[in-house]
Every structure is written in structure tokens, then in C-alpha cells.
N, C-alpha and C. Protein backbone atom coordinates (compact mmCIF):
# COMPACT_ATOMS: atom_id res chain seq x y z
N MET A 1 20.61 -48.73 -47.80
CA MET A 1 21.61 -48.23 -46.88
C MET A 1 21.62 -46.71 -46.94
N ASP A 2 21.54 -46.08 -45.78
CA ASP A 2 21.61 -44.62 -45.71
C ASP A 2 23.05 -44.19 -45.49
N ASN A 3 23.49 -43.24 -46.30
CA ASN A 3 24.80 -42.63 -46.10
C ASN A 3 24.60 -41.30 -45.43
N HIS A 4 25.46 -41.01 -44.46
CA HIS A 4 25.37 -39.74 -43.75
C HIS A 4 26.58 -38.90 -44.14
N TYR A 5 26.33 -37.68 -44.53
CA TYR A 5 27.38 -36.77 -44.91
C TYR A 5 27.35 -35.55 -44.00
N LEU A 6 28.54 -35.03 -43.72
CA LEU A 6 28.67 -33.88 -42.85
C LEU A 6 28.62 -32.59 -43.65
N SER A 7 27.91 -31.61 -43.12
CA SER A 7 27.88 -30.29 -43.73
C SER A 7 29.15 -29.54 -43.31
N PHE A 8 29.35 -28.37 -43.87
CA PHE A 8 30.50 -27.53 -43.54
C PHE A 8 30.54 -27.25 -42.04
N SER A 9 29.42 -26.87 -41.46
CA SER A 9 29.39 -26.57 -40.03
C SER A 9 29.60 -27.83 -39.18
N GLN A 10 29.15 -28.97 -39.64
CA GLN A 10 29.38 -30.22 -38.91
C GLN A 10 30.85 -30.62 -38.97
N VAL A 11 31.52 -30.34 -40.09
CA VAL A 11 32.96 -30.60 -40.19
C VAL A 11 33.70 -29.73 -39.19
N ALA A 12 33.34 -28.46 -39.10
CA ALA A 12 33.96 -27.55 -38.14
C ALA A 12 33.77 -28.07 -36.72
N GLU A 13 32.58 -28.52 -36.41
CA GLU A 13 32.29 -29.05 -35.08
C GLU A 13 33.13 -30.30 -34.81
N LEU A 14 33.23 -31.19 -35.77
CA LEU A 14 34.02 -32.42 -35.63
C LEU A 14 35.49 -32.09 -35.35
N LEU A 15 36.01 -31.08 -36.02
CA LEU A 15 37.41 -30.69 -35.86
C LEU A 15 37.64 -29.78 -34.66
N GLY A 16 36.55 -29.26 -34.08
CA GLY A 16 36.66 -28.38 -32.92
C GLY A 16 37.16 -27.00 -33.26
N VAL A 17 36.79 -26.50 -34.44
CA VAL A 17 37.19 -25.15 -34.85
C VAL A 17 35.96 -24.35 -35.24
N PRO A 18 36.03 -23.03 -35.15
CA PRO A 18 34.90 -22.20 -35.60
C PRO A 18 34.75 -22.30 -37.12
N THR A 19 33.53 -22.14 -37.61
CA THR A 19 33.31 -22.22 -39.06
C THR A 19 34.10 -21.15 -39.80
N GLY A 20 34.30 -19.99 -39.18
CA GLY A 20 35.08 -18.94 -39.81
C GLY A 20 36.53 -19.37 -40.05
N SER A 21 37.09 -20.10 -39.09
CA SER A 21 38.46 -20.62 -39.25
C SER A 21 38.51 -21.69 -40.32
N LEU A 22 37.49 -22.53 -40.36
CA LEU A 22 37.46 -23.64 -41.32
C LEU A 22 37.45 -23.13 -42.75
N SER A 23 36.90 -21.96 -42.98
CA SER A 23 36.84 -21.44 -44.35
C SER A 23 38.23 -21.19 -44.92
N GLY A 24 39.26 -21.07 -44.06
CA GLY A 24 40.62 -20.89 -44.53
C GLY A 24 41.36 -22.20 -44.78
N TYR A 25 40.75 -23.32 -44.45
CA TYR A 25 41.38 -24.63 -44.63
C TYR A 25 41.21 -25.11 -46.06
N LYS A 26 42.16 -25.89 -46.54
CA LYS A 26 42.06 -26.53 -47.86
C LYS A 26 41.44 -27.91 -47.64
N LEU A 27 40.12 -27.94 -47.64
CA LEU A 27 39.39 -29.19 -47.40
C LEU A 27 39.50 -30.12 -48.59
N PRO A 28 39.32 -31.42 -48.36
CA PRO A 28 39.31 -32.35 -49.49
C PRO A 28 38.07 -32.13 -50.36
N GLU A 29 38.10 -32.67 -51.54
CA GLU A 29 36.92 -32.60 -52.41
C GLU A 29 35.73 -33.23 -51.69
N PRO A 30 34.56 -32.63 -51.79
CA PRO A 30 33.37 -33.22 -51.15
C PRO A 30 33.04 -34.59 -51.74
N ASP A 31 32.45 -35.43 -50.93
CA ASP A 31 32.00 -36.74 -51.40
C ASP A 31 30.71 -36.61 -52.19
N VAL A 32 29.90 -35.61 -51.84
CA VAL A 32 28.63 -35.39 -52.55
C VAL A 32 28.34 -33.90 -52.63
N TRP A 33 27.54 -33.55 -53.59
CA TRP A 33 26.96 -32.21 -53.72
C TRP A 33 25.46 -32.38 -53.75
N VAL A 34 24.75 -31.58 -52.97
CA VAL A 34 23.29 -31.53 -53.03
C VAL A 34 22.97 -30.08 -53.36
N GLY A 35 22.69 -29.84 -54.60
CA GLY A 35 22.55 -28.46 -55.06
C GLY A 35 23.91 -27.79 -54.96
N ARG A 36 23.98 -26.72 -54.19
CA ARG A 36 25.26 -26.03 -53.99
C ARG A 36 25.90 -26.38 -52.65
N THR A 37 25.32 -27.34 -51.94
CA THR A 37 25.80 -27.72 -50.61
C THR A 37 26.74 -28.91 -50.71
N ARG A 38 27.91 -28.76 -50.07
CA ARG A 38 28.90 -29.84 -50.06
C ARG A 38 28.65 -30.78 -48.89
N GLY A 39 29.05 -32.04 -49.07
CA GLY A 39 28.95 -33.02 -47.99
C GLY A 39 30.15 -33.94 -47.99
N TRP A 40 30.67 -34.24 -46.80
CA TRP A 40 31.81 -35.12 -46.64
C TRP A 40 31.44 -36.27 -45.72
N SER A 41 31.97 -37.45 -46.00
CA SER A 41 31.80 -38.54 -45.05
C SER A 41 32.74 -38.31 -43.88
N LYS A 42 32.40 -38.83 -42.74
CA LYS A 42 33.23 -38.67 -41.55
C LYS A 42 34.61 -39.27 -41.80
N SER A 43 34.67 -40.41 -42.48
CA SER A 43 35.96 -41.05 -42.74
C SER A 43 36.83 -40.20 -43.66
N THR A 44 36.24 -39.50 -44.63
CA THR A 44 37.01 -38.62 -45.51
C THR A 44 37.67 -37.51 -44.69
N ILE A 45 36.91 -36.89 -43.80
CA ILE A 45 37.45 -35.80 -42.98
C ILE A 45 38.50 -36.32 -42.01
N GLU A 46 38.25 -37.47 -41.39
CA GLU A 46 39.22 -38.02 -40.44
C GLU A 46 40.54 -38.37 -41.14
N LYS A 47 40.46 -38.95 -42.32
CA LYS A 47 41.67 -39.29 -43.08
C LYS A 47 42.41 -38.02 -43.49
N TRP A 48 41.70 -37.03 -43.98
CA TRP A 48 42.31 -35.76 -44.37
C TRP A 48 42.96 -35.09 -43.17
N ASN A 49 42.27 -35.05 -42.04
CA ASN A 49 42.79 -34.39 -40.84
C ASN A 49 44.04 -35.10 -40.32
N ALA A 50 44.08 -36.43 -40.38
CA ALA A 50 45.24 -37.19 -39.90
C ALA A 50 46.48 -36.88 -40.75
N GLY A 51 46.29 -36.52 -42.02
CA GLY A 51 47.41 -36.24 -42.90
C GLY A 51 47.88 -34.79 -42.87
N ARG A 52 47.20 -33.95 -42.09
CA ARG A 52 47.59 -32.54 -42.01
C ARG A 52 48.83 -32.40 -41.15
N PRO A 53 49.70 -31.45 -41.44
CA PRO A 53 50.90 -31.25 -40.62
C PRO A 53 50.55 -31.04 -39.15
N GLY A 54 51.25 -31.76 -38.30
CA GLY A 54 51.03 -31.63 -36.86
C GLY A 54 49.84 -32.40 -36.32
N HIS A 55 49.22 -33.23 -37.15
CA HIS A 55 48.04 -33.99 -36.72
C HIS A 55 48.26 -35.49 -36.87
N GLY A 56 49.50 -35.95 -36.69
CA GLY A 56 49.77 -37.37 -36.78
C GLY A 56 50.25 -37.81 -38.15
N GLY A 57 50.20 -36.93 -39.13
CA GLY A 57 50.67 -37.26 -40.47
C GLY A 57 52.04 -36.67 -40.68
N ARG A 58 52.12 -35.66 -41.51
CA ARG A 58 53.39 -35.00 -41.78
C ARG A 58 53.81 -34.15 -40.58
N PRO A 59 55.13 -33.98 -40.39
CA PRO A 59 55.57 -33.08 -39.32
C PRO A 59 55.28 -31.63 -39.70
N ARG A 60 55.17 -30.77 -38.69
CA ARG A 60 54.97 -29.35 -38.92
C ARG A 60 56.18 -28.74 -39.60
N LYS A 61 55.95 -27.70 -40.40
CA LYS A 61 57.07 -26.98 -41.00
C LYS A 61 57.78 -26.20 -39.91
N LYS A 62 59.09 -26.06 -40.04
CA LYS A 62 59.87 -25.29 -39.05
C LYS A 62 60.32 -24.00 -39.63
């Protein structure tokens, strides 16, 4: 079975944000490391994103 992991730039693309903006986000721990490169499963990013304030999880701070 092949597992597919998203790179940092692929995560930015999935979320629809520039990679420069993504560098300010507190991303979840990567699912894998290949050398110094992080990788996340799509489900990890989707679950993390759903729990962010204003994204269907917690309400935004006022």
C-alpha cells in the first residue's frame, strides 16, 4: 500500500493560502519526516483545519 503525504507547499495549496502565510500557522506534527522534509496526510490536515477557530470547530475569538 502506498501512502501519500503532502509537502509544505501542497498543504498551502490545499488550504488555499500562500506558502508565506502558512509559515505563520501552528501546523500539527508531521506524520512523516524524510530527511529534513515534513509530510502530512490529507486527513491530518483536514482534521486540524476543521478544528481551527472559524473553520467549523471552535468559534473565533472576539
